[in-house]
PDB file of N, CA and C in Angstrom:
ATOM      1  N   MET A   1       0.852  -1.168   0.000  1.00  0.00           N
ATOM      2  CA  MET A   1       0.000   0.000   0.000  1.00  0.00           C
ATOM      3  C   MET A   1       0.896   1.229   0.000  1.00  0.00           C
ATOM      4  N   THR A   2       0.588   2.159  -0.878  1.00  0.00           N
ATOM      5  CA  THR A   2       1.347   3.393  -0.976  1.00  0.00           C
ATOM      6  C   THR A   2       0.440   4.573  -0.664  1.00  0.00           C
ATOM      7  N   ILE A   3       0.906   5.452   0.190  1.00  0.00           N
ATOM      8  CA  ILE A   3       0.167   6.658   0.533  1.00  0.00           C
ATOM      9  C   ILE A   3       1.003   7.841   0.092  1.00  0.00           C
ATOM     10  N   LYS A   4       0.357   8.774  -0.590  1.00  0.00           N
ATOM     11  CA  LYS A   4       1.067   9.906  -1.149  1.00  0.00           C
ATOM     12  C   LYS A   4       0.375  11.198  -0.718  1.00  0.00           C
ATOM     13  N   VAL A   5       1.136  12.185  -0.274  1.00  0.00           N
ATOM     14  CA  VAL A   5       0.598  13.497   0.072  1.00  0.00           C
ATOM     15  C   VAL A   5       0.529  14.291  -1.231  1.00  0.00           C
ATOM     16  N   VAL A   6      -0.676  14.686  -1.610  1.00  0.00           N
ATOM     17  CA  VAL A   6      -0.841  15.386  -2.885  1.00  0.00           C
ATOM     18  C   VAL A   6      -1.022  16.893  -2.713  1.00  0.00           C
ATOM     19  N   ARG A   7      -1.294  17.339  -1.507  1.00  0.00           N
ATOM     20  CA  ARG A   7      -1.478  18.761  -1.297  1.00  0.00           C
ATOM     21  C   ARG A   7      -1.058  19.108   0.125  1.00  0.00           C
ATOM     22  N   GLY A   8      -0.397  20.224   0.290  1.00  0.00           N
ATOM     23  CA  GLY A   8       0.014  20.665   1.612  1.00  0.00           C
ATOM     24  C   GLY A   8       1.408  20.168   1.965  1.00  0.00           C
ATOM     25  N   ASN A   9       1.834  20.513   3.141  1.00  0.00           N
ATOM     26  CA  ASN A   9       3.153  20.122   3.632  1.00  0.00           C
ATOM     27  C   ASN A   9       3.007  19.707   5.098  1.00  0.00           C
ATOM     28  N   PRO A  10       2.567  18.458   5.344  1.00  0.00           N
ATOM     29  CA  PRO A  10       2.339  18.036   6.727  1.00  0.00           C
ATOM     30  C   PRO A  10       3.650  17.878   7.499  1.00  0.00           C
ATOM     31  N   THR A  11       3.556  18.143   8.791  1.00  0.00           N
ATOM     32  CA  THR A  11       4.708  17.909   9.658  1.00  0.00           C
ATOM     33  C   THR A  11       4.842  16.411   9.866  1.00  0.00           C
ATOM     34  N   PRO A  12       5.974  15.950  10.317  1.00  0.00           N
ATOM     35  CA  PRO A  12       6.111  14.511  10.584  1.00  0.00           C
ATOM     36  C   PRO A  12       5.089  13.997  11.592  1.00  0.00           C
ATOM     37  N   GLU A  13       4.728  14.824  12.568  1.00  0.00           N
ATOM     38  CA  GLU A  13       3.737  14.408  13.569  1.00  0.00           C
ATOM     39  C   GLU A  13       2.350  14.269  12.943  1.00  0.00           C
ATOM     40  N   GLU A  14       1.973  15.219  12.069  1.00  0.00           N
ATOM     41  CA  GLU A  14       0.681  15.141  11.393  1.00  0.00           C
ATOM     42  C   GLU A  14       0.613  13.932  10.474  1.00  0.00           C
ATOM     43  N   LEU A  15       1.691  13.666   9.778  1.00  0.00           N
ATOM     44  CA  LEU A  15       1.740  12.510   8.891  1.00  0.00           C
ATOM     45  C   LEU A  15       1.652  11.204   9.682  1.00  0.00           C
ATOM     46  N   ALA A  16       2.337  11.150  10.814  1.00  0.00           N
ATOM     47  CA  ALA A  16       2.282   9.948  11.655  1.00  0.00           C
ATOM     48  C   ALA A  16       0.880   9.726  12.202  1.00  0.00           C
ATOM     49  N   ALA A  17       0.194  10.811  12.587  1.00  0.00           N
ATOM     50  CA  ALA A  17      -1.162  10.680  13.106  1.00  0.00           C
ATOM     51  C   ALA A  17      -2.112  10.184  12.020  1.00  0.00           C
ATOM     52  N   ALA A  18      -1.992  10.736  10.816  1.00  0.00           N
ATOM     53  CA  ALA A  18      -2.851  10.308   9.712  1.00  0.00           C
ATOM     54  C   ALA A  18      -2.603   8.840   9.363  1.00  0.00           C
ATOM     55  N   LEU A  19      -1.355   8.433   9.341  1.00  0.00           N
ATOM     56  CA  LEU A  19      -1.038   7.032   9.031  1.00  0.00           C
ATOM     57  C   LEU A  19      -1.519   6.093  10.127  1.00  0.00           C
ATOM     58  N   ALA A  20      -1.481   6.540  11.379  1.00  0.00           N
ATOM     59  CA  ALA A  20      -1.986   5.708  12.471  1.00  0.00           C
ATOM     60  C   ALA A  20      -3.480   5.455  12.315  1.00  0.00           C
ATOM     61  N   VAL A  21      -4.218   6.473  11.898  1.00  0.00           N
ATOM     62  CA  VAL A  21      -5.652   6.303  11.683  1.00  0.00           C
ATOM     63  C   VAL A  21      -5.910   5.348  10.524  1.00  0.00           C
ATOM     64  N   VAL A  22      -5.174   5.513   9.434  1.00  0.00           N
ATOM     65  CA  VAL A  22      -5.354   4.641   8.277  1.00  0.00           C
ATOM     66  C   VAL A  22      -5.021   3.190   8.633  1.00  0.00           C
ATOM     67  N   ARG A  23      -3.956   2.993   9.364  1.00  0.00           N
ATOM     68  CA  ARG A  23      -3.583   1.629   9.764  1.00  0.00           C
ATOM     69  C   ARG A  23      -4.598   1.009  10.712  1.00  0.00           C
ATOM     70  N   ALA A  24      -5.120   1.804  11.640  1.00  0.00           N
ATOM     71  CA  ALA A  24      -6.122   1.288  12.579  1.00  0.00           C
ATOM     72  C   ALA A  24      -7.395   0.882  11.843  1.00  0.00           C
ATOM     73  N   ARG A  25      -7.828   1.701  10.876  1.00  0.00           N
ATOM     74  CA  ARG A  25      -9.016   1.368  10.098  1.00  0.00           C
ATOM     75  C   ARG A  25      -8.795   0.113   9.259  1.00  0.00           C
ATOM     76  N   ALA A  26      -7.599  -0.017   8.683  1.00  0.00           N
ATOM     77  CA  ALA A  26      -7.291  -1.197   7.882  1.00  0.00           C
ATOM     78  C   ALA A  26      -7.258  -2.449   8.753  1.00  0.00           C
ATOM     79  N   ALA A  27      -6.713  -2.334   9.956  1.00  0.00           N
ATOM     80  CA  ALA A  27      -6.662  -3.482  10.858  1.00  0.00           C
ATOM     81  C   ALA A  27      -8.062  -3.881  11.311  1.00  0.00           C
ATOM     82  N   ALA A  28      -8.921  -2.889  11.568  1.00  0.00           N
ATOM     83  CA  ALA A  28     -10.291  -3.188  11.983  1.00  0.00           C
ATOM     84  C   ALA A  28     -11.066  -3.850  10.851  1.00  0.00           C
ATOM     85  N   ALA A  29     -10.856  -3.386   9.635  1.00  0.00           N
ATOM     86  CA  ALA A  29     -11.550  -3.973   8.490  1.00  0.00           C
ATOM     87  C   ALA A  29     -11.062  -5.397   8.230  1.00  0.00           C
ATOM     88  N   ALA A  30      -9.782  -5.637   8.453  1.00  0.00           N
ATOM     89  CA  ALA A  30      -9.233  -6.976   8.221  1.00  0.00           C
ATOM     90  C   ALA A  30      -9.711  -7.967   9.271  1.00  0.00           C
ATOM     91  N   SER A  31      -9.949  -7.492  10.500  1.00  0.00           N
ATOM     92  CA  SER A  31     -10.357  -8.409  11.562  1.00  0.00           C
ATOM     93  C   SER A  31     -11.861  -8.659  11.573  1.00  0.00           C
ATOM     94  N   ALA A  32     -12.626  -7.848  10.850  1.00  0.00           N
ATOM     95  CA  ALA A  32     -14.076  -8.049  10.791  1.00  0.00           C
ATOM     96  C   ALA A  32     -14.377  -9.284   9.946  1.00  0.00           C
ATOM     97  N   PRO A  33     -15.383 -10.046  10.355  1.00  0.00           N
ATOM     98  CA  PRO A  33     -15.736 -11.227   9.562  1.00  0.00           C
ATOM     99  C   PRO A  33     -16.210 -10.816   8.172  1.00  0.00           C
ATOM    100  N   SER A  34     -15.776 -11.562   7.180  1.00  0.00           N
ATOM    101  CA  SER A  34     -16.164 -11.230   5.812  1.00  0.00           C
ATOM    102  C   SER A  34     -17.641 -11.548   5.617  1.00  0.00           C
ATOM    103  N   GLY A  35     -18.301 -10.708   4.852  1.00  0.00           N
ATOM    104  CA  GLY A  35     -19.717 -10.912   4.591  1.00  0.00           C
ATOM    105  C   GLY A  35     -20.621 -10.397   5.687  1.00  0.00           C
ATOM    106  N   ALA A  36     -20.041  -9.832   6.741  1.00  0.00           N
ATOM    107  CA  ALA A  36     -20.862  -9.305   7.827  1.00  0.00           C
ATOM    108  C   ALA A  36     -21.478  -7.987   7.378  1.00  0.00           C
ATOM    109  N   HIS A  37     -22.791  -7.928   7.421  1.00  0.00           N
ATOM    110  CA  HIS A  37     -23.500  -6.708   7.024  1.00  0.00           C
ATOM    111  C   HIS A  37     -24.117  -6.102   8.278  1.00  0.00           C
ATOM    112  N   ARG A  38     -23.725  -4.884   8.571  1.00  0.00           N
ATOM    113  CA  ARG A  38     -24.220  -4.218   9.771  1.00  0.00           C
ATOM    114  C   ARG A  38     -25.362  -3.288   9.395  1.00  0.00           C
ATOM    115  N   GLU A  39     -26.490  -3.446  10.054  1.00  0.00           N
ATOM    116  CA  GLU A  39     -27.637  -2.579   9.821  1.00  0.00           C
ATOM    117  C   GLU A  39     -27.375  -1.222  10.465  1.00  0.00           C
ATOM    118  N   PRO A  40     -27.841  -0.149   9.858  1.00  0.00           N
ATOM    119  CA  PRO A  40     -27.662   1.167  10.461  1.00  0.00           C
ATOM    120  C   PRO A  40     -28.456   1.281  11.762  1.00  0.00           C
ATOM    121  N   ASP A  41     -27.968   2.099  12.656  1.00  0.00           N
ATOM    122  CA  ASP A  41     -28.648   2.289  13.933  1.00  0.00           C
ATOM    123  C   ASP A  41     -30.007   2.945  13.714  1.00  0.00           C
ATOM    124  N   ALA A  42     -30.963   2.596  14.540  1.00  0.00           N
ATOM    125  CA  ALA A  42     -32.316   3.128  14.393  1.00  0.00           C
ATOM    126  C   ALA A  42     -32.356   4.629  14.655  1.00  0.00           C
ATOM    127  N   TRP A  43     -31.511   5.139  15.531  1.00  0.00           N
ATOM    128  CA  TRP A  43     -31.547   6.572  15.843  1.00  0.00           C
ATOM    129  C   TRP A  43     -31.134   7.422  14.653  1.00  0.00           C
ATOM    130  N   ALA A  44     -30.421   6.846  13.686  1.00  0.00           N
ATOM    131  CA  ALA A  44     -29.974   7.590  12.522  1.00  0.00           C
ATOM    132  C   ALA A  44     -31.024   7.625  11.413  1.00  0.00           C
ATOM    133  N   ASP A  45     -32.119   6.920  11.578  1.00  0.00           N
ATOM    134  CA  ASP A  45     -33.156   6.857  10.551  1.00  0.00           C
ATOM    135  C   ASP A  45     -34.066   8.081  10.658  1.00  0.00           C
ATOM    136  N   PRO A  46     -34.068   8.962   9.638  1.00  0.00           N
ATOM    137  CA  PRO A  46     -34.887  10.169   9.738  1.00  0.00           C
ATOM    138  C   PRO A  46     -36.387   9.901   9.738  1.00  0.00           C
ATOM    139  N   SER A  47     -36.817   8.752   9.286  1.00  0.00           N
ATOM    140  CA  SER A  47     -38.250   8.479   9.245  1.00  0.00           C
ATOM    141  C   SER A  47     -38.835   8.294  10.641  1.00  0.00           C
ATOM    142  N   ARG A  48     -38.007   8.001  11.633  1.00  0.00           N
ATOM    143  CA  ARG A  48     -38.542   7.818  12.986  1.00  0.00           C
ATOM    144  C   ARG A  48     -39.096   9.117  13.539  1.00  0.00           C
ATOM    145  N   LEU A  49     -38.534  10.259  13.128  1.00  0.00           N
ATOM    146  CA  LEU A  49     -39.061  11.550  13.570  1.00  0.00           C
ATOM    147  C   LEU A  49     -40.414  11.840  12.941  1.00  0.00           C
ATOM    148  N   ALA A  50     -40.551  11.524  11.676  1.00  0.00           N
ATOM    149  CA  ALA A  50     -41.782  11.830  10.966  1.00  0.00           C
ATOM    150  C   ALA A  50     -42.954  11.016  11.496  1.00  0.00           C
ATOM    151  N   LEU A  51     -42.724   9.802  11.929  1.00  0.00           N
ATOM    152  CA  LEU A  51     -43.814   8.956  12.396  1.00  0.00           C
ATOM    153  C   LEU A  51     -44.450   9.484  13.676  1.00  0.00           C
ATOM    154  N   SER A  52     -43.637  10.029  14.571  1.00  0.00           N
ATOM    155  CA  SER A  52     -44.171  10.474  15.848  1.00  0.00           C
ATOM    156  C   SER A  52     -44.555  11.948  15.855  1.00  0.00           C
ATOM    157  N   ARG A  53     -44.232  12.691  14.807  1.00  0.00           N
ATOM    158  CA  ARG A  53     -44.471  14.127  14.800  1.00  0.00           C
ATOM    159  C   ARG A  53     -45.584  14.569  13.852  1.00  0.00           C
ATOM    160  N   VAL A  54     -46.365  13.656  13.334  1.00  0.00           N
ATOM    161  CA  VAL A  54     -47.430  14.028  12.425  1.00  0.00           C
ATOM    162  C   VAL A  54     -48.564  14.619  13.255  1.00  0.00           C
ATOM    163  N   PRO A  55     -48.948  15.880  13.003  1.00  0.00           N
ATOM    164  CA  PRO A  55     -49.998  16.486  13.809  1.00  0.00           C
ATOM    165  C   PRO A  55     -51.378  15.935  13.475  1.00  0.00           C
ATOM    166  N   ALA A  56     -52.204  15.861  14.494  1.00  0.00           N
ATOM    167  CA  ALA A  56     -53.582  15.439  14.278  1.00  0.00           C
ATOM    168  C   ALA A  56     -54.352  16.585  13.632  1.00  0.00           C
ATOM    169  N   PRO A  57     -55.277  16.295  12.740  1.00  0.00           N
ATOM    170  CA  PRO A  57     -56.033  17.365  12.112  1.00  0.00           C
ATOM    171  C   PRO A  57     -56.882  18.113  13.146  1.00  0.00           C
ATOM    172  N   GLY A  58     -57.069  19.370  12.916  1.00  0.00           N
ATOM    173  CA  GLY A  58     -57.882  20.185  13.814  1.00  0.00           C
ATOM    174  C   GLY A  58     -57.563  21.648  13.642  1.00  0.00           C
ATOM    175  N   PRO A  59     -58.297  22.500  14.336  1.00  0.00           N
ATOM    176  CA  PRO A  59     -58.121  23.929  14.149  1.00  0.00           C
ATOM    177  C   PRO A  59     -56.760  24.452  14.585  1.00  0.00           C
ATOM    178  N   LYS A  60     -56.095  23.799  15.519  1.00  0.00           N
ATOM    179  CA  LYS A  60     -54.786  24.278  15.989  1.00  0.00           C
ATOM    180  C   LYS A  60     -53.648  23.338  15.584  1.00  0.00           C
ATOM    181  N   ALA A  61     -53.840  22.569  14.526  1.00  0.00           N
ATOM    182  CA  ALA A  61     -52.827  21.604  14.089  1.00  0.00           C
ATOM    183  C   ALA A  61     -51.546  22.290  13.669  1.00  0.00           C
ATOM    184  N   TRP A  62     -51.617  23.496  13.126  1.00  0.00           N
ATOM    185  CA  TRP A  62     -50.412  24.197  12.679  1.00  0.00           C
ATOM    186  C   TRP A  62     -49.466  24.447  13.846  1.00  0.00           C
ATOM    187  N   GLY A  63     -49.963  24.588  15.040  1.00  0.00           N
ATOM    188  CA  GLY A  63     -49.114  24.849  16.205  1.00  0.00           C
ATOM    189  C   GLY A  63     -48.337  23.629  16.649  1.00  0.00           C
ATOM    190  N   ARG A  64     -48.721  22.462  16.214  1.00  0.00           N
ATOM    191  CA  ARG A  64     -48.016  21.231  16.587  1.00  0.00           C
ATOM    192  C   ARG A  64     -47.059  20.762  15.507  1.00  0.00           C
ATOM    193  N   THR A  65     -46.776  21.602  14.519  1.00  0.00           N
ATOM    194  CA  THR A  65     -45.871  21.200  13.448  1.00  0.00           C
ATOM    195  C   THR A  65     -44.426  21.571  13.730  1.00  0.00           C
ATOM    196  N   TYR A  66     -44.150  22.202  14.837  1.00  0.00           N
ATOM    197  CA  TYR A  66     -42.777  22.562  15.208  1.00  0.00           C
ATOM    198  C   TYR A  66     -42.027  21.305  15.595  1.00  0.00           C
ATOM    199  N   TRP A  67     -40.863  21.008  14.957  1.00  0.00           N
ATOM    200  CA  TRP A  67     -40.182  19.717  15.130  1.00  0.00           C
ATOM    201  C   TRP A  67     -39.562  19.479  16.496  1.00  0.00           C
ATOM    202  N   PRO A  68     -38.700  20.354  17.018  1.00  0.00           N
ATOM    203  CA  PRO A  68     -38.018  20.000  18.268  1.00  0.00           C
ATOM    204  C   PRO A  68     -38.970  19.812  19.428  1.00  0.00           C
ATOM    205  N   GLY A  69     -38.636  18.836  20.244  1.00  0.00           N
ATOM    206  CA  GLY A  69     -39.252  18.436  21.459  1.00  0.00           C
ATOM    207  C   GLY A  69     -40.538  18.961  21.840  1.00  0.00           C
TER     208      GLY A  69
END
């Protein structure tokens, strides 16, 4: 594997930190079982907000359309 700096002039410490991250990610990917498919977390699904925030019809329904809490 070859890594090349194409822009900028990193210090040796910055380059070492970047390579440490790349190596850690490569090691984690190599140790993961092949074919393992991870489902996304439910909290990251934007549809969960829409299901619980749909206002009931009525004369003051517009006041319940504000998203946060």
